[in-house]
Protein backbone atom coordinates (compact mmCIF):
# COMPACT_ATOMS: atom_id res chain seq x y z
CA UNK A 1 -37.41 49.34 -25.84
CA UNK A 2 -37.47 53.08 -26.48
CA UNK A 3 -37.33 55.65 -23.68
CA UNK A 4 -41.04 56.43 -24.15
CA UNK A 5 -41.91 52.73 -23.88
CA UNK A 6 -39.82 52.38 -20.72
CA UNK A 7 -41.55 55.37 -19.12
CA UNK A 8 -44.94 53.97 -20.09
CA UNK A 9 -44.03 50.58 -18.63
CA UNK A 10 -42.95 52.28 -15.40
CA UNK A 11 -46.17 54.25 -15.05
CA UNK A 12 -48.40 51.24 -15.79
CA UNK A 13 -46.37 49.12 -13.38
CA UNK A 14 -46.69 51.76 -10.68
CA UNK A 15 -50.45 51.98 -11.16
CA UNK A 16 -50.88 48.21 -10.87
CA UNK A 17 -48.58 47.87 -7.87
CA UNK A 18 -50.17 50.85 -6.12
CA UNK A 19 -53.67 49.51 -6.60
CA UNK A 20 -52.62 46.24 -4.95
CA UNK A 21 -50.88 48.15 -2.15
CA UNK A 22 -54.08 49.98 -1.33
CA UNK A 23 -56.42 47.03 -1.77
CA UNK A 24 -54.59 44.36 0.23
CA UNK A 25 -51.69 46.17 1.90
CA UNK A 26 -48.79 44.56 0.01
CA UNK A 27 -45.88 46.60 -1.30
CA UNK A 28 -46.27 45.63 -4.94
CA UNK A 29 -42.79 44.21 -5.47
CA UNK A 30 -44.32 41.13 -7.10
CA UNK A 31 -45.41 43.48 -9.92
CA UNK A 32 -42.54 45.99 -9.97
CA UNK A 33 -39.49 43.71 -9.82
CA UNK A 34 -40.24 41.60 -12.92
CA UNK A 35 -41.42 44.64 -14.90
CA UNK A 36 -38.28 46.68 -14.13
CA UNK A 37 -36.06 43.66 -14.78
CA UNK A 38 -37.71 43.10 -18.16
CA UNK A 39 -37.44 46.78 -19.07
CA UNK A 40 -33.74 47.00 -18.16
CA UNK A 41 -32.72 43.79 -19.90
CA UNK A 42 -34.69 44.83 -22.98
CA UNK A 43 -32.72 48.08 -22.94
CA UNK A 44 -29.43 46.13 -22.88
CA UNK A 45 -28.59 45.89 -19.17
CA UNK A 46 -26.80 42.79 -17.88
CA UNK A 47 -29.20 40.39 -16.12
CA UNK A 48 -27.34 40.47 -12.80
CA UNK A 49 -27.19 44.28 -12.74
CA UNK A 50 -30.84 44.51 -13.79
CA UNK A 51 -31.89 42.19 -10.94
CA UNK A 52 -30.15 44.30 -8.29
CA UNK A 53 -31.57 47.56 -9.65
CA UNK A 54 -35.07 46.08 -9.99
CA UNK A 55 -35.20 44.92 -6.36
CA UNK A 56 -33.66 48.10 -4.92
CA UNK A 57 -35.79 50.46 -7.01
CA UNK A 58 -38.89 48.44 -6.11
CA UNK A 59 -38.12 48.84 -2.39
CA UNK A 60 -37.63 52.58 -2.79
CA UNK A 61 -40.89 53.01 -4.71
CA UNK A 62 -42.79 51.03 -2.06
CA UNK A 63 -41.94 53.67 0.59
CA UNK A 64 -44.32 56.45 -0.60
CA UNK A 65 -46.99 53.93 -1.63
CA UNK A 66 -46.92 52.30 1.81
CA UNK A 67 -47.11 55.67 3.57
CA UNK A 68 -50.05 56.78 1.41
CA UNK A 69 -51.83 53.43 1.76
CA UNK A 70 -51.38 53.41 5.53
CA UNK A 71 -52.58 57.02 5.82
CA UNK A 72 -55.73 56.21 3.82
CA UNK A 73 -56.46 53.10 5.89
CA UNK A 74 -55.82 55.15 9.04
CA UNK A 75 -58.37 57.70 7.85
CA UNK A 76 -60.88 54.87 7.28
CA UNK A 77 -60.32 53.57 10.81
CA UNK A 78 -58.77 50.30 9.63
CA UNK A 79 -55.21 51.03 10.85
CA UNK A 80 -53.61 52.52 13.93
CA UNK A 81 -50.23 53.91 14.95
CA UNK A 82 -50.01 51.52 17.90
CA UNK A 83 -49.30 48.63 15.52
CA UNK A 84 -46.17 50.40 14.26
CA UNK A 85 -44.99 50.91 17.85
CA UNK A 86 -45.74 47.39 19.06
CA UNK A 87 -44.87 45.30 15.99
CA UNK A 88 -42.43 47.51 14.06
CA UNK A 89 -39.23 46.91 16.10
CA UNK A 90 -39.62 43.12 15.99
CA UNK A 91 -40.22 43.14 12.24
CA UNK A 92 -37.10 45.26 11.67
CA UNK A 93 -35.01 42.94 13.86
CA UNK A 94 -36.34 39.93 11.96
CA UNK A 95 -35.43 41.47 8.59
CA UNK A 96 -31.94 42.35 9.86
CA UNK A 97 -31.38 38.83 11.20
CA UNK A 98 -32.52 37.35 7.89
CA UNK A 99 -29.94 39.41 6.00
CA UNK A 100 -27.21 37.92 8.19
CA UNK A 101 -28.44 34.32 7.96
CA UNK A 102 -29.66 34.26 4.33
CA UNK A 103 -26.21 33.84 2.65
CA UNK A 104 -25.71 30.59 4.59
CA UNK A 105 -29.01 29.00 3.56
CA UNK A 106 -30.18 27.34 0.35
CA UNK A 107 -32.17 30.02 -1.47
CA UNK A 108 -33.97 27.54 -3.71
CA UNK A 109 -35.25 25.56 -0.72
CA UNK A 110 -36.48 28.76 0.97
CA UNK A 111 -38.26 29.91 -2.18
CA UNK A 112 -39.89 26.51 -2.64
CA UNK A 113 -41.14 26.39 0.97
CA UNK A 114 -42.50 29.94 0.84
CA UNK A 115 -44.11 29.32 -2.54
CA UNK A 116 -45.86 26.25 -1.16
CA UNK A 117 -47.12 28.21 1.85
CA UNK A 118 -48.45 30.98 -0.43
CA UNK A 119 -50.40 28.45 -2.49
CA UNK A 120 -51.78 26.74 0.62
CA UNK A 121 -52.92 30.01 2.17
CA UNK A 122 -54.37 31.09 -1.17
CA UNK A 123 -57.02 28.41 -0.76
CA UNK A 124 -57.79 29.61 2.77
CA UNK A 125 -58.28 33.21 1.63
CA UNK A 126 -60.28 32.20 -1.43
CA UNK A 127 -62.86 30.52 0.85
CA UNK A 128 -62.58 32.39 4.19
CA UNK A 129 -66.00 31.24 5.40
CA UNK A 130 -64.78 27.64 5.54
CA UNK A 131 -62.07 28.42 8.11
CA UNK A 132 -62.17 29.74 11.67
CA UNK A 133 -59.39 32.01 13.02
CA UNK A 134 -56.63 30.23 14.93
CA UNK A 135 -56.65 32.91 17.68
CA UNK A 136 -59.28 35.29 18.99
CA UNK A 137 -56.95 38.31 18.82
CA UNK A 138 -53.39 39.10 17.70
CA UNK A 139 -50.81 37.86 20.23
CA UNK A 140 -49.41 40.18 22.87
CA UNK A 141 -46.34 40.29 25.10
CA UNK A 142 -43.61 37.75 24.37
CA UNK A 143 -45.63 36.00 21.66
CA UNK A 144 -46.13 39.31 19.83
CA UNK A 145 -42.36 39.84 19.75
CA UNK A 146 -41.85 36.32 18.40
CA UNK A 147 -44.57 36.77 15.77
CA UNK A 148 -43.26 40.17 14.64
CA UNK A 149 -39.68 38.91 14.34
CA UNK A 150 -41.01 35.88 12.47
CA UNK A 151 -42.76 38.15 9.95
CA UNK A 152 -39.57 40.14 9.42
CA UNK A 153 -37.33 37.06 9.22
CA UNK A 154 -39.55 35.18 6.77
CA UNK A 155 -39.93 38.31 4.64
CA UNK A 156 -36.18 38.81 4.54
CA UNK A 157 -35.40 35.17 3.79
CA UNK A 158 -38.05 34.85 1.09
CA UNK A 159 -37.27 38.23 -0.47
CA UNK A 160 -40.83 39.57 -0.21
CA UNK A 161 -42.39 42.50 1.60
CA UNK A 162 -43.88 41.95 5.03
CA UNK A 163 -47.38 42.89 3.91
CA UNK A 164 -48.22 39.37 2.72
CA UNK A 165 -47.18 37.71 5.98
CA UNK A 166 -48.73 40.42 8.15
CA UNK A 167 -52.04 39.92 6.37
CA UNK A 168 -51.85 36.17 6.97
CA UNK A 169 -50.88 36.48 10.66
CA UNK A 170 -53.47 39.15 11.45
CA UNK A 171 -56.30 37.31 9.71
CA UNK A 172 -55.43 33.98 11.36
CA UNK A 173 -55.39 35.90 14.67
CA UNK A 174 -59.05 36.83 14.30
CA UNK A 175 -58.64 40.37 12.96
CA UNK A 176 -61.18 41.41 10.28
CA UNK A 177 -59.81 41.55 6.74
CA UNK A 178 -60.01 45.36 6.49
CA UNK A 179 -57.96 45.83 9.66
CA UNK A 180 -55.48 43.16 8.54
CA UNK A 181 -54.94 45.09 5.31
CA UNK A 182 -54.37 48.32 7.26
CA UNK A 183 -51.68 46.68 9.36
CA UNK A 184 -50.11 45.08 6.31
CA UNK A 185 -49.75 48.56 4.80
CA UNK A 186 -47.96 49.70 7.98
CA UNK A 187 -45.55 46.78 7.66
CA UNK A 188 -44.65 48.02 4.19
CA UNK A 189 -43.28 51.20 5.79
CA UNK A 190 -41.34 49.28 8.44
CA UNK A 191 -39.68 46.98 5.89
CA UNK A 192 -39.16 49.28 2.90
CA UNK A 193 -37.63 52.34 4.63
CA UNK A 194 -34.57 50.63 6.20
CA UNK A 195 -34.18 48.30 3.21
CA UNK A 196 -34.15 51.29 0.84
CA UNK A 197 -31.50 53.04 2.93
CA UNK A 198 -29.31 49.93 2.80
CA UNK A 199 -29.84 49.64 -0.98
CA UNK A 200 -28.89 53.30 -1.44
CA UNK A 201 -25.59 52.80 0.40
CA UNK A 202 -24.82 49.24 -0.70
CA UNK A 203 -22.96 49.86 -3.94
CA UNK A 204 -21.41 52.65 -5.96
CA UNK A 205 -22.62 53.07 -9.52
CA UNK A 206 -21.15 55.03 -12.39
CA UNK A 207 -24.68 55.58 -13.72
CA UNK A 208 -25.55 59.22 -12.91
CA UNK A 209 -29.21 58.38 -12.28
CA UNK A 210 -28.42 55.77 -9.63
CA UNK A 211 -27.97 56.14 -5.86
CA UNK A 212 -26.46 52.84 -4.83
CA UNK A 213 -28.64 50.22 -6.53
CA UNK A 214 -31.68 52.53 -6.77
CA UNK A 215 -32.28 54.05 -10.20
CA UNK A 216 -33.91 57.43 -9.62
CA UNK A 217 -35.04 57.80 -13.24
CA UNK A 218 -37.04 54.57 -12.99
CA UNK A 219 -38.22 55.52 -9.50
CA UNK A 220 -39.67 58.79 -10.80
CA UNK A 221 -41.64 56.89 -13.44
CA UNK A 222 -43.06 54.39 -10.93
CA UNK A 223 -43.37 55.98 -7.47
CA UNK A 224 -45.80 58.89 -8.13
CA UNK A 225 -48.21 56.64 -10.06
CA UNK A 226 -47.87 53.95 -7.43
CA UNK A 227 -48.61 56.33 -4.55
CA UNK A 228 -51.65 57.80 -6.33
CA UNK A 229 -53.00 54.34 -7.14
CA UNK A 230 -52.36 53.22 -3.53
CA UNK A 231 -54.62 56.02 -2.25
CA UNK A 232 -57.29 55.03 -4.77
CA UNK A 233 -56.92 51.33 -3.92
CA UNK A 234 -57.20 51.97 -0.19
CA UNK A 235 -60.38 53.98 -0.81
CA UNK A 236 -61.83 51.12 -2.85
CA UNK A 237 -60.84 48.66 -0.10
CA UNK A 238 -62.75 50.69 2.50
CA UNK A 239 -65.93 50.36 0.41
CA UNK A 240 -65.40 46.70 -0.52
CA UNK A 241 -66.58 43.60 1.29
CA UNK A 242 -64.18 41.52 3.37
CA UNK A 243 -64.88 38.56 1.08
CA UNK A 244 -63.81 40.49 -2.02
CA UNK A 245 -60.58 41.67 -0.34
CA UNK A 246 -59.86 38.14 0.84
CA UNK A 247 -60.25 36.76 -2.67
CA UNK A 248 -58.10 39.50 -4.21
CA UNK A 249 -55.45 38.61 -1.64
CA UNK A 250 -55.84 34.95 -2.62
CA UNK A 251 -55.03 35.85 -6.24
CA UNK A 252 -51.95 37.76 -5.06
CA UNK A 253 -50.82 34.72 -3.06
CA UNK A 254 -51.26 32.45 -6.09
CA UNK A 255 -49.27 34.84 -8.32
CA UNK A 256 -46.51 35.19 -5.72
CA UNK A 257 -46.36 31.45 -5.06
CA UNK A 258 -46.16 30.52 -8.74
CA UNK A 259 -43.54 33.20 -9.44
CA UNK A 260 -41.35 32.01 -6.57
CA UNK A 261 -41.83 28.36 -7.52
CA UNK A 262 -40.74 29.14 -11.07
CA UNK A 263 -37.71 31.01 -9.75
CA UNK A 264 -36.77 28.08 -7.52
CA UNK A 265 -37.12 25.48 -10.29
CA UNK A 266 -35.63 27.56 -13.11
CA UNK A 267 -33.23 30.03 -11.40
């Protein structure tokens, strides 16, 4: 691929990922990682190096998109800062614990289990009227700490952003879809900021455009478009019905589940 084609791929990828970030609160890694990986390998990068750069650069590009998405949902009244205070520390601890435990677990088994859960929940979100919430409100006290650490741990073990799991937990806890999306956007900040810092310090690269595993040239192509699209997507979400958002989220779950299932079966 030529440099112009790579830039175009980055911008289009950022727009798609940002729109999803605003609409349903996910980071967009499910869009960015495969696109960056394809672009790098097409340009001659080694598959292993491309995978590391794709994941790290995706995490770094999620930071501004998550901040913009959360700010827009906050403006719409569908998010609040209290969630970051009450749930953020547990999610960070869960992610950190997952990084310690993950090397000792079978990655293929984890991917298969998470993929199956995504596909199961996809049905629930496709037809939300057929299911009642498990709880009347999100858990508090000790159970909130357990739930938040569970979101972080599962996200870290499965290699996905916490937005997907936050959306599932909040919706099952009786929170309306719009407010669940707002909290999922907040989780993107909690997960992506520390993960990006770790990725920036993890390795040393001779490539002048890289900081650790993060490629700044690719980041510049993706992040601005992603942040702009996240603001637009969050605005669309505020004017959309809960049913539409639920079904868009269902499609995201199907795509994520199938992608992870493929990765587990054909690593």
